[in-house]
Amino acid sequence: QVQLVESGGGLVQPGGSLRLSCAASGIRFSIYAMGWYRQAPGKQRELVATIFSGGSTNYPDSVKGRFTISRDNAKNTVYLQMNGLKPEDTAVYYCNRPSWSGSPWPWGQGTQVTVSS
């Protein structure tokens, strides 16, 4: 079965950086587009970064220029480098396939990112 395990979150001051990792198992990782989502308290889960199987990427305006998604197919892992963090980036971050590509796999536990001084 598919398993997604996120890690790398933490508490960081505004303007700081974090690098999140998501290890996937149970899928032929290299053929799938992957995404990073986040969900803040009381808000819907939103897609904040997408990487296609060929390596091209896409971001919403809210994170463009600050977040970078990458993948290592040999390690079945997708990363999210987050720079210039803002308090509004505070959320639980998850990885999964982008919603347009199919039904989501079982969600992992996510990793908490808190941006606060």
Protein backbone atom coordinates (compact mmCIF):
# COMPACT_ATOMS: atom_id res chain seq x y z
CA GLN A 1 0.00 0.00 0.00
CA VAL A 2 1.01 3.61 -0.49
CA GLN A 3 2.71 5.30 2.43
CA LEU A 4 3.79 8.93 2.62
CA VAL A 5 5.99 10.12 5.49
CA GLU A 6 6.67 13.82 5.90
CA SER A 7 9.42 15.32 8.05
CA GLY A 8 11.47 18.43 8.57
CA GLY A 9 9.01 20.84 10.08
CA GLY A 10 9.62 22.97 13.12
CA LEU A 11 9.50 26.41 14.66
CA VAL A 12 11.26 29.15 12.74
CA GLN A 13 11.38 32.92 12.94
CA PRO A 14 9.94 35.09 10.17
CA GLY A 15 12.39 35.26 7.30
CA GLY A 16 13.85 31.88 8.15
CA SER A 17 14.11 28.69 6.14
CA LEU A 18 13.12 25.06 6.42
CA ARG A 19 13.49 22.05 4.19
CA LEU A 20 10.73 19.47 4.26
CA SER A 21 11.06 15.89 3.04
CA CYS A 22 8.46 13.34 2.03
CA ALA A 23 9.41 9.71 1.57
CA ALA A 24 7.01 7.66 -0.52
CA SER A 25 6.65 3.90 -0.70
CA GLY A 26 4.29 1.52 -2.44
CA ILE A 27 4.22 3.45 -5.72
CA ARG A 28 6.32 3.72 -8.84
CA PHE A 29 7.37 7.14 -7.63
CA SER A 30 9.18 8.38 -10.73
CA ILE A 31 6.12 8.35 -13.00
CA TYR A 32 3.92 10.50 -10.79
CA ALA A 33 3.55 14.22 -10.36
CA MET A 34 3.88 15.08 -6.69
CA GLY A 35 2.65 17.98 -4.65
CA TRP A 36 3.08 19.66 -1.31
CA TYR A 37 -0.06 20.81 0.44
CA ARG A 38 -0.63 22.74 3.62
CA GLN A 39 -3.54 23.13 5.98
CA ALA A 40 -3.78 25.90 8.51
CA PRO A 41 -6.24 25.73 11.43
CA GLY A 42 -9.77 26.41 10.24
CA LYS A 43 -8.75 26.51 6.59
CA GLN A 44 -8.97 24.13 3.67
CA ARG A 45 -5.97 22.17 2.55
CA GLU A 46 -4.22 23.99 -0.32
CA LEU A 47 -1.67 22.90 -2.88
CA VAL A 48 1.48 25.02 -2.58
CA ALA A 49 3.90 23.28 -4.93
CA THR A 50 3.80 20.75 -7.76
CA ILE A 51 6.56 18.85 -9.49
CA PHE A 52 5.87 16.84 -12.60
CA SER A 53 7.54 13.56 -13.44
CA GLY A 54 9.82 15.38 -15.85
CA GLY A 55 10.90 17.86 -13.21
CA SER A 56 8.98 20.98 -14.18
CA THR A 57 7.36 22.81 -11.30
CA ASN A 58 4.42 25.03 -10.51
CA TYR A 59 3.56 27.29 -7.57
CA PRO A 60 0.72 29.58 -6.56
CA ASP A 61 1.53 33.26 -6.26
CA SER A 62 1.46 33.05 -2.46
CA VAL A 63 4.71 31.08 -2.36
CA LYS A 64 6.29 31.72 -5.75
CA GLY A 65 9.88 32.85 -5.40
CA ARG A 66 10.10 31.60 -1.83
CA PHE A 67 9.36 27.88 -2.06
CA THR A 68 11.17 25.34 -4.25
CA ILE A 69 9.99 21.79 -4.80
CA SER A 70 12.39 19.10 -5.94
CA ARG A 71 12.51 15.33 -6.16
CA ASP A 72 15.00 12.50 -5.95
CA ASN A 73 13.54 9.53 -7.79
CA ALA A 74 16.33 7.25 -6.60
CA LYS A 75 15.22 7.90 -3.03
CA ASN A 76 11.49 8.08 -3.72
CA THR A 77 11.55 11.43 -1.97
CA VAL A 78 10.13 14.86 -2.68
CA TYR A 79 11.45 17.98 -0.96
CA LEU A 80 10.17 21.46 -0.25
CA GLN A 81 12.72 24.18 0.39
CA MET A 82 11.01 27.11 2.06
CA ASN A 83 12.79 30.44 2.32
CA GLY A 84 11.58 33.82 3.49
CA LEU A 85 8.99 32.20 5.72
CA LYS A 86 6.08 34.31 6.92
CA PRO A 87 3.67 33.81 9.82
CA GLU A 88 0.95 33.02 7.28
CA ASP A 89 2.96 29.99 6.16
CA THR A 90 2.19 28.37 9.51
CA ALA A 91 0.37 25.11 8.81
CA VAL A 92 0.68 21.36 8.73
CA TYR A 93 2.40 20.38 5.48
CA TYR A 94 1.61 17.20 3.58
CA CYS A 95 2.72 15.61 0.35
CA ASN A 96 0.48 13.73 -2.06
CA ARG A 97 -0.34 13.57 -5.70
CA PRO A 98 -1.90 16.76 -7.12
CA SER A 99 -5.69 16.57 -7.04
CA TRP A 100 -5.99 16.97 -10.80
CA SER A 101 -3.93 13.80 -11.31
CA GLY A 102 -6.24 11.45 -9.44
CA SER A 103 -7.66 10.48 -6.09
CA PRO A 104 -5.25 11.19 -3.26
CA TRP A 105 -3.26 8.41 -1.72
CA PRO A 106 -3.68 7.89 2.04
CA TRP A 107 -2.51 11.05 3.75
CA GLY A 108 0.53 10.93 5.97
CA GLN A 109 0.75 12.52 9.39
CA GLY A 110 2.09 15.74 7.97
CA THR A 111 4.78 17.94 9.48
CA GLN A 112 4.03 21.09 11.46
CA VAL A 113 5.61 24.34 10.35
CA THR A 114 5.27 27.27 12.74
CA VAL A 115 6.59 30.69 11.81
CA SER A 116 6.69 32.97 14.80
CA SER A 117 8.99 35.36 16.58
